[in-house]
Amino acid sequence: QVQLVESGGGLVQAGGSLRLSCAASRISFSIVAVAWHRQTPGQQREWVSTITGSGKINYADSVKGRFTISRDNAKNTVYLQMNSLKPEDTAVYYCAVPDWGFWGQGTQVTVSS
């Protein structure tokens, strides 16, 4: 059974940084697109960033220049480095393999002002 496990969330002050990790089992991140999404209570899930199997990267305008997605094929892990965090970045962050419908359980990121 495919599992995606996020980690690295927490509480940080505005302007700070966090690095989220998404580790996978039974699926190789080197051949699929992996995406990060986020969701706040009462809001729709928002796409944040994607890295494809070939390494193509895209970001939502709201995080461009502050967030960096990367992948370690040896560890089968995708990362989301989040810098210059803002209170509006507060959300539960999910990693996903959207083409196959696999989602992680999410990790909470809280940015205090």
N, C-alpha and C. Protein backbone atom coordinates (compact mmCIF):
# COMPACT_ATOMS: atom_id res chain seq x y z
N GLN A 1 0.84 -1.19 0.00
CA GLN A 1 0.00 0.00 0.00
C GLN A 1 0.88 1.25 0.00
N VAL A 2 0.59 2.17 -0.90
CA VAL A 2 1.36 3.41 -0.98
C VAL A 2 1.09 4.27 0.25
N GLN A 3 2.16 4.81 0.82
CA GLN A 3 2.03 5.73 1.95
C GLN A 3 2.88 6.95 1.71
N LEU A 4 2.29 8.09 2.00
CA LEU A 4 3.00 9.36 1.98
C LEU A 4 2.96 9.92 3.39
N VAL A 5 4.11 10.24 3.95
CA VAL A 5 4.16 10.71 5.33
C VAL A 5 4.87 12.05 5.37
N GLU A 6 4.12 13.08 5.77
CA GLU A 6 4.69 14.41 5.91
C GLU A 6 5.25 14.61 7.31
N SER A 7 6.25 15.45 7.40
CA SER A 7 6.80 15.84 8.70
C SER A 7 7.44 17.21 8.55
N GLY A 8 7.77 17.80 9.69
CA GLY A 8 8.48 19.07 9.68
C GLY A 8 7.65 20.29 10.00
N GLY A 9 6.35 20.10 10.17
CA GLY A 9 5.52 21.23 10.53
C GLY A 9 5.79 21.69 11.95
N GLY A 10 5.20 22.84 12.29
CA GLY A 10 5.37 23.35 13.63
C GLY A 10 4.95 24.80 13.72
N LEU A 11 5.36 25.41 14.82
CA LEU A 11 5.05 26.81 15.09
C LEU A 11 6.30 27.64 14.87
N VAL A 12 6.15 28.71 14.10
CA VAL A 12 7.29 29.57 13.81
C VAL A 12 6.80 31.01 13.76
N GLN A 13 7.68 31.93 14.07
CA GLN A 13 7.33 33.34 13.99
C GLN A 13 7.40 33.81 12.54
N ALA A 14 6.65 34.85 12.27
CA ALA A 14 6.69 35.44 10.93
C ALA A 14 8.13 35.81 10.57
N GLY A 15 8.49 35.51 9.33
CA GLY A 15 9.85 35.73 8.87
C GLY A 15 10.75 34.53 9.02
N GLY A 16 10.27 33.54 9.76
CA GLY A 16 11.07 32.34 9.99
C GLY A 16 10.96 31.34 8.86
N SER A 17 11.57 30.19 9.10
CA SER A 17 11.64 29.14 8.08
C SER A 17 11.27 27.78 8.67
N LEU A 18 10.76 26.94 7.80
CA LEU A 18 10.51 25.54 8.11
C LEU A 18 10.80 24.72 6.88
N ARG A 19 11.17 23.48 7.08
CA ARG A 19 11.33 22.56 5.96
C ARG A 19 10.43 21.35 6.19
N LEU A 20 9.51 21.18 5.27
CA LEU A 20 8.63 20.02 5.31
C LEU A 20 9.23 18.89 4.49
N SER A 21 8.96 17.67 4.95
CA SER A 21 9.41 16.48 4.24
C SER A 21 8.22 15.61 3.92
N CYS A 22 8.32 14.93 2.80
CA CYS A 22 7.30 13.96 2.42
C CYS A 22 8.03 12.70 1.98
N ALA A 23 7.91 11.67 2.80
CA ALA A 23 8.57 10.40 2.51
C ALA A 23 7.55 9.42 1.98
N ALA A 24 7.98 8.62 1.01
CA ALA A 24 7.04 7.72 0.36
C ALA A 24 7.49 6.27 0.49
N SER A 25 6.50 5.41 0.54
CA SER A 25 6.77 3.98 0.47
C SER A 25 5.93 3.38 -0.64
N ARG A 26 6.51 2.40 -1.34
CA ARG A 26 5.83 1.65 -2.40
C ARG A 26 5.52 2.49 -3.62
N ILE A 27 6.20 3.60 -3.76
CA ILE A 27 6.10 4.42 -4.97
C ILE A 27 7.39 5.20 -5.09
N SER A 28 7.88 5.34 -6.32
CA SER A 28 9.12 6.06 -6.53
C SER A 28 8.83 7.49 -6.95
N PHE A 29 9.30 8.43 -6.16
CA PHE A 29 9.09 9.84 -6.47
C PHE A 29 9.85 10.26 -7.73
N SER A 30 10.80 9.47 -8.16
CA SER A 30 11.60 9.87 -9.32
C SER A 30 10.85 9.74 -10.63
N ILE A 31 9.67 9.10 -10.60
CA ILE A 31 8.95 8.87 -11.85
C ILE A 31 7.55 9.46 -11.84
N VAL A 32 7.20 10.16 -10.76
CA VAL A 32 5.85 10.73 -10.68
C VAL A 32 5.94 12.20 -10.29
N ALA A 33 4.89 12.92 -10.56
CA ALA A 33 4.78 14.29 -10.07
C ALA A 33 4.33 14.27 -8.61
N VAL A 34 4.98 15.08 -7.81
CA VAL A 34 4.62 15.21 -6.40
C VAL A 34 4.26 16.66 -6.15
N ALA A 35 3.17 16.85 -5.46
CA ALA A 35 2.68 18.21 -5.21
C ALA A 35 2.51 18.46 -3.73
N TRP A 36 2.68 19.71 -3.35
CA TRP A 36 2.30 20.16 -2.02
C TRP A 36 1.04 21.02 -2.15
N HIS A 37 0.12 20.78 -1.26
CA HIS A 37 -1.08 21.59 -1.14
C HIS A 37 -1.20 22.04 0.31
N ARG A 38 -2.08 23.01 0.55
CA ARG A 38 -2.34 23.42 1.91
C ARG A 38 -3.80 23.77 2.06
N GLN A 39 -4.27 23.69 3.30
CA GLN A 39 -5.68 23.95 3.56
C GLN A 39 -5.85 24.56 4.94
N THR A 40 -6.67 25.59 5.00
CA THR A 40 -7.05 26.18 6.27
C THR A 40 -8.52 25.86 6.51
N PRO A 41 -8.94 25.86 7.78
CA PRO A 41 -10.34 25.51 8.09
C PRO A 41 -11.33 26.37 7.31
N GLY A 42 -12.29 25.73 6.70
CA GLY A 42 -13.33 26.44 5.97
C GLY A 42 -12.94 26.88 4.59
N GLN A 43 -11.72 26.57 4.19
CA GLN A 43 -11.24 26.98 2.87
C GLN A 43 -10.98 25.76 2.00
N GLN A 44 -11.00 25.98 0.70
CA GLN A 44 -10.64 24.90 -0.22
C GLN A 44 -9.14 24.64 -0.16
N ARG A 45 -8.79 23.40 -0.48
CA ARG A 45 -7.39 23.05 -0.52
C ARG A 45 -6.72 23.85 -1.64
N GLU A 46 -5.56 24.40 -1.34
CA GLU A 46 -4.84 25.28 -2.26
C GLU A 46 -3.56 24.60 -2.72
N TRP A 47 -3.33 24.58 -4.01
CA TRP A 47 -2.09 24.05 -4.55
C TRP A 47 -0.95 25.01 -4.23
N VAL A 48 0.21 24.44 -3.86
CA VAL A 48 1.37 25.24 -3.49
C VAL A 48 2.51 25.08 -4.50
N SER A 49 2.85 23.82 -4.79
CA SER A 49 4.01 23.59 -5.65
C SER A 49 3.99 22.17 -6.16
N THR A 50 4.64 21.95 -7.30
CA THR A 50 4.76 20.63 -7.89
C THR A 50 6.16 20.43 -8.44
N ILE A 51 6.66 19.22 -8.27
CA ILE A 51 7.88 18.79 -8.95
C ILE A 51 7.54 17.52 -9.71
N THR A 52 7.82 17.51 -11.00
CA THR A 52 7.50 16.34 -11.80
C THR A 52 8.64 15.33 -11.74
N GLY A 53 8.38 14.16 -12.31
CA GLY A 53 9.41 13.14 -12.34
C GLY A 53 10.67 13.59 -13.08
N SER A 54 10.47 14.44 -14.07
CA SER A 54 11.61 14.94 -14.85
C SER A 54 12.27 16.16 -14.20
N GLY A 55 11.69 16.61 -13.08
CA GLY A 55 12.28 17.71 -12.36
C GLY A 55 11.72 19.08 -12.65
N LYS A 56 10.68 19.14 -13.47
CA LYS A 56 10.05 20.43 -13.72
C LYS A 56 9.34 20.91 -12.47
N ILE A 57 9.49 22.19 -12.17
CA ILE A 57 8.98 22.75 -10.91
C ILE A 57 8.06 23.93 -11.20
N ASN A 58 6.99 24.01 -10.45
CA ASN A 58 6.09 25.15 -10.51
C ASN A 58 5.66 25.54 -9.11
N TYR A 59 5.36 26.82 -8.95
CA TYR A 59 4.92 27.35 -7.66
C TYR A 59 3.68 28.21 -7.84
N ALA A 60 2.86 28.22 -6.81
CA ALA A 60 1.78 29.18 -6.76
C ALA A 60 2.37 30.58 -6.60
N ASP A 61 1.70 31.57 -7.14
CA ASP A 61 2.21 32.94 -7.05
C ASP A 61 2.39 33.38 -5.60
N SER A 62 1.55 32.87 -4.72
CA SER A 62 1.58 33.29 -3.33
C SER A 62 2.84 32.85 -2.59
N VAL A 63 3.55 31.87 -3.13
CA VAL A 63 4.74 31.36 -2.44
C VAL A 63 6.01 31.51 -3.28
N LYS A 64 5.86 31.95 -4.51
CA LYS A 64 7.01 32.06 -5.41
C LYS A 64 8.06 32.99 -4.82
N GLY A 65 9.29 32.54 -4.84
CA GLY A 65 10.39 33.34 -4.29
C GLY A 65 10.63 33.09 -2.81
N ARG A 66 9.71 32.41 -2.14
CA ARG A 66 9.87 32.14 -0.71
C ARG A 66 9.99 30.64 -0.43
N PHE A 67 9.28 29.84 -1.22
CA PHE A 67 9.28 28.39 -1.01
C PHE A 67 10.11 27.72 -2.11
N THR A 68 10.75 26.61 -1.73
CA THR A 68 11.53 25.83 -2.69
C THR A 68 11.19 24.36 -2.53
N ILE A 69 10.79 23.74 -3.62
CA ILE A 69 10.52 22.31 -3.61
C ILE A 69 11.75 21.59 -4.17
N SER A 70 12.04 20.43 -3.58
CA SER A 70 13.18 19.65 -4.06
C SER A 70 12.91 18.18 -3.79
N ARG A 71 13.76 17.36 -4.36
CA ARG A 71 13.56 15.91 -4.24
C ARG A 71 14.91 15.24 -4.04
N ASP A 72 14.93 14.26 -3.14
CA ASP A 72 16.10 13.41 -2.93
C ASP A 72 15.70 12.00 -3.37
N ASN A 73 16.17 11.60 -4.54
CA ASN A 73 15.76 10.29 -5.06
C ASN A 73 16.29 9.15 -4.20
N ALA A 74 17.47 9.31 -3.65
CA ALA A 74 18.04 8.24 -2.81
C ALA A 74 17.20 7.99 -1.57
N LYS A 75 16.61 9.06 -1.04
CA LYS A 75 15.77 8.94 0.15
C LYS A 75 14.29 8.83 -0.20
N ASN A 76 13.99 8.95 -1.50
CA ASN A 76 12.60 8.91 -1.94
C ASN A 76 11.75 9.88 -1.14
N THR A 77 12.26 11.10 -1.05
CA THR A 77 11.64 12.13 -0.22
C THR A 77 11.58 13.44 -1.01
N VAL A 78 10.49 14.12 -0.86
CA VAL A 78 10.32 15.45 -1.43
C VAL A 78 10.26 16.45 -0.28
N TYR A 79 10.91 17.58 -0.47
CA TYR A 79 10.98 18.60 0.56
C TYR A 79 10.29 19.89 0.10
N LEU A 80 9.84 20.64 1.07
CA LEU A 80 9.35 21.99 0.80
C LEU A 80 10.03 22.92 1.80
N GLN A 81 11.02 23.65 1.32
CA GLN A 81 11.70 24.64 2.15
C GLN A 81 10.88 25.92 2.11
N MET A 82 10.47 26.36 3.26
CA MET A 82 9.61 27.54 3.36
C MET A 82 10.35 28.63 4.13
N ASN A 83 10.65 29.71 3.45
CA ASN A 83 11.35 30.85 4.04
C ASN A 83 10.43 32.07 4.07
N SER A 84 10.83 33.04 4.85
CA SER A 84 10.07 34.29 4.94
C SER A 84 8.59 34.02 5.18
N LEU A 85 8.33 33.15 6.12
CA LEU A 85 6.95 32.73 6.36
C LEU A 85 6.09 33.88 6.87
N LYS A 86 4.83 33.85 6.45
CA LYS A 86 3.85 34.87 6.82
C LYS A 86 2.70 34.20 7.56
N PRO A 87 1.99 34.97 8.38
CA PRO A 87 0.83 34.38 9.08
C PRO A 87 -0.16 33.73 8.11
N GLU A 88 -0.30 34.27 6.92
CA GLU A 88 -1.24 33.69 5.96
C GLU A 88 -0.76 32.37 5.38
N ASP A 89 0.46 31.95 5.70
CA ASP A 89 0.93 30.62 5.31
C ASP A 89 0.45 29.55 6.27
N THR A 90 -0.16 29.96 7.37
CA THR A 90 -0.67 29.00 8.34
C THR A 90 -1.70 28.09 7.69
N ALA A 91 -1.48 26.79 7.80
CA ALA A 91 -2.37 25.81 7.17
C ALA A 91 -1.88 24.41 7.51
N VAL A 92 -2.69 23.44 7.16
CA VAL A 92 -2.22 22.05 7.12
C VAL A 92 -1.67 21.82 5.72
N TYR A 93 -0.45 21.34 5.68
CA TYR A 93 0.23 21.10 4.41
C TYR A 93 0.20 19.60 4.09
N TYR A 94 -0.19 19.31 2.87
CA TYR A 94 -0.30 17.92 2.41
C TYR A 94 0.61 17.70 1.21
N CYS A 95 1.26 16.56 1.18
CA CYS A 95 1.90 16.17 -0.06
C CYS A 95 1.02 15.14 -0.75
N ALA A 96 1.17 15.07 -2.05
CA ALA A 96 0.30 14.21 -2.83
C ALA A 96 0.98 13.77 -4.12
N VAL A 97 0.53 12.63 -4.59
CA VAL A 97 0.83 12.21 -5.96
C VAL A 97 -0.51 12.32 -6.68
N PRO A 98 -0.81 13.49 -7.17
CA PRO A 98 -2.17 13.76 -7.62
C PRO A 98 -2.64 12.90 -8.79
N ASP A 99 -1.72 12.54 -9.67
CA ASP A 99 -2.11 11.73 -10.82
C ASP A 99 -2.60 10.34 -10.41
N TRP A 100 -2.14 9.87 -9.26
CA TRP A 100 -2.52 8.55 -8.77
C TRP A 100 -3.50 8.63 -7.61
N GLY A 101 -3.80 9.84 -7.13
CA GLY A 101 -4.78 10.00 -6.06
C GLY A 101 -4.29 9.66 -4.68
N PHE A 102 -2.97 9.74 -4.48
CA PHE A 102 -2.42 9.44 -3.15
C PHE A 102 -2.14 10.73 -2.41
N TRP A 103 -2.53 10.74 -1.13
CA TRP A 103 -2.34 11.93 -0.29
C TRP A 103 -1.78 11.51 1.05
N GLY A 104 -0.97 12.39 1.63
CA GLY A 104 -0.51 12.17 2.98
C GLY A 104 -1.55 12.64 3.99
N GLN A 105 -1.18 12.52 5.26
CA GLN A 105 -2.12 12.86 6.33
C GLN A 105 -2.05 14.33 6.71
N GLY A 106 -1.03 15.02 6.25
CA GLY A 106 -0.90 16.44 6.50
C GLY A 106 -0.03 16.75 7.71
N THR A 107 0.55 17.94 7.68
CA THR A 107 1.33 18.43 8.81
C THR A 107 0.99 19.90 9.02
N GLN A 108 0.77 20.27 10.27
CA GLN A 108 0.32 21.62 10.59
C GLN A 108 1.49 22.59 10.60
N VAL A 109 1.30 23.70 9.93
CA VAL A 109 2.24 24.82 9.97
C VAL A 109 1.50 26.02 10.52
N THR A 110 2.04 26.60 11.58
CA THR A 110 1.44 27.78 12.18
C THR A 110 2.48 28.88 12.24
N VAL A 111 2.14 30.03 11.66
CA VAL A 111 3.05 31.16 11.64
C VAL A 111 2.43 32.27 12.48
N SER A 112 3.12 32.64 13.53
CA SER A 112 2.60 33.68 14.43
C SER A 112 3.12 35.05 13.99
N SER A 113 2.30 36.05 14.25
CA SER A 113 2.69 37.40 13.84
C SER A 113 3.44 38.12 14.95
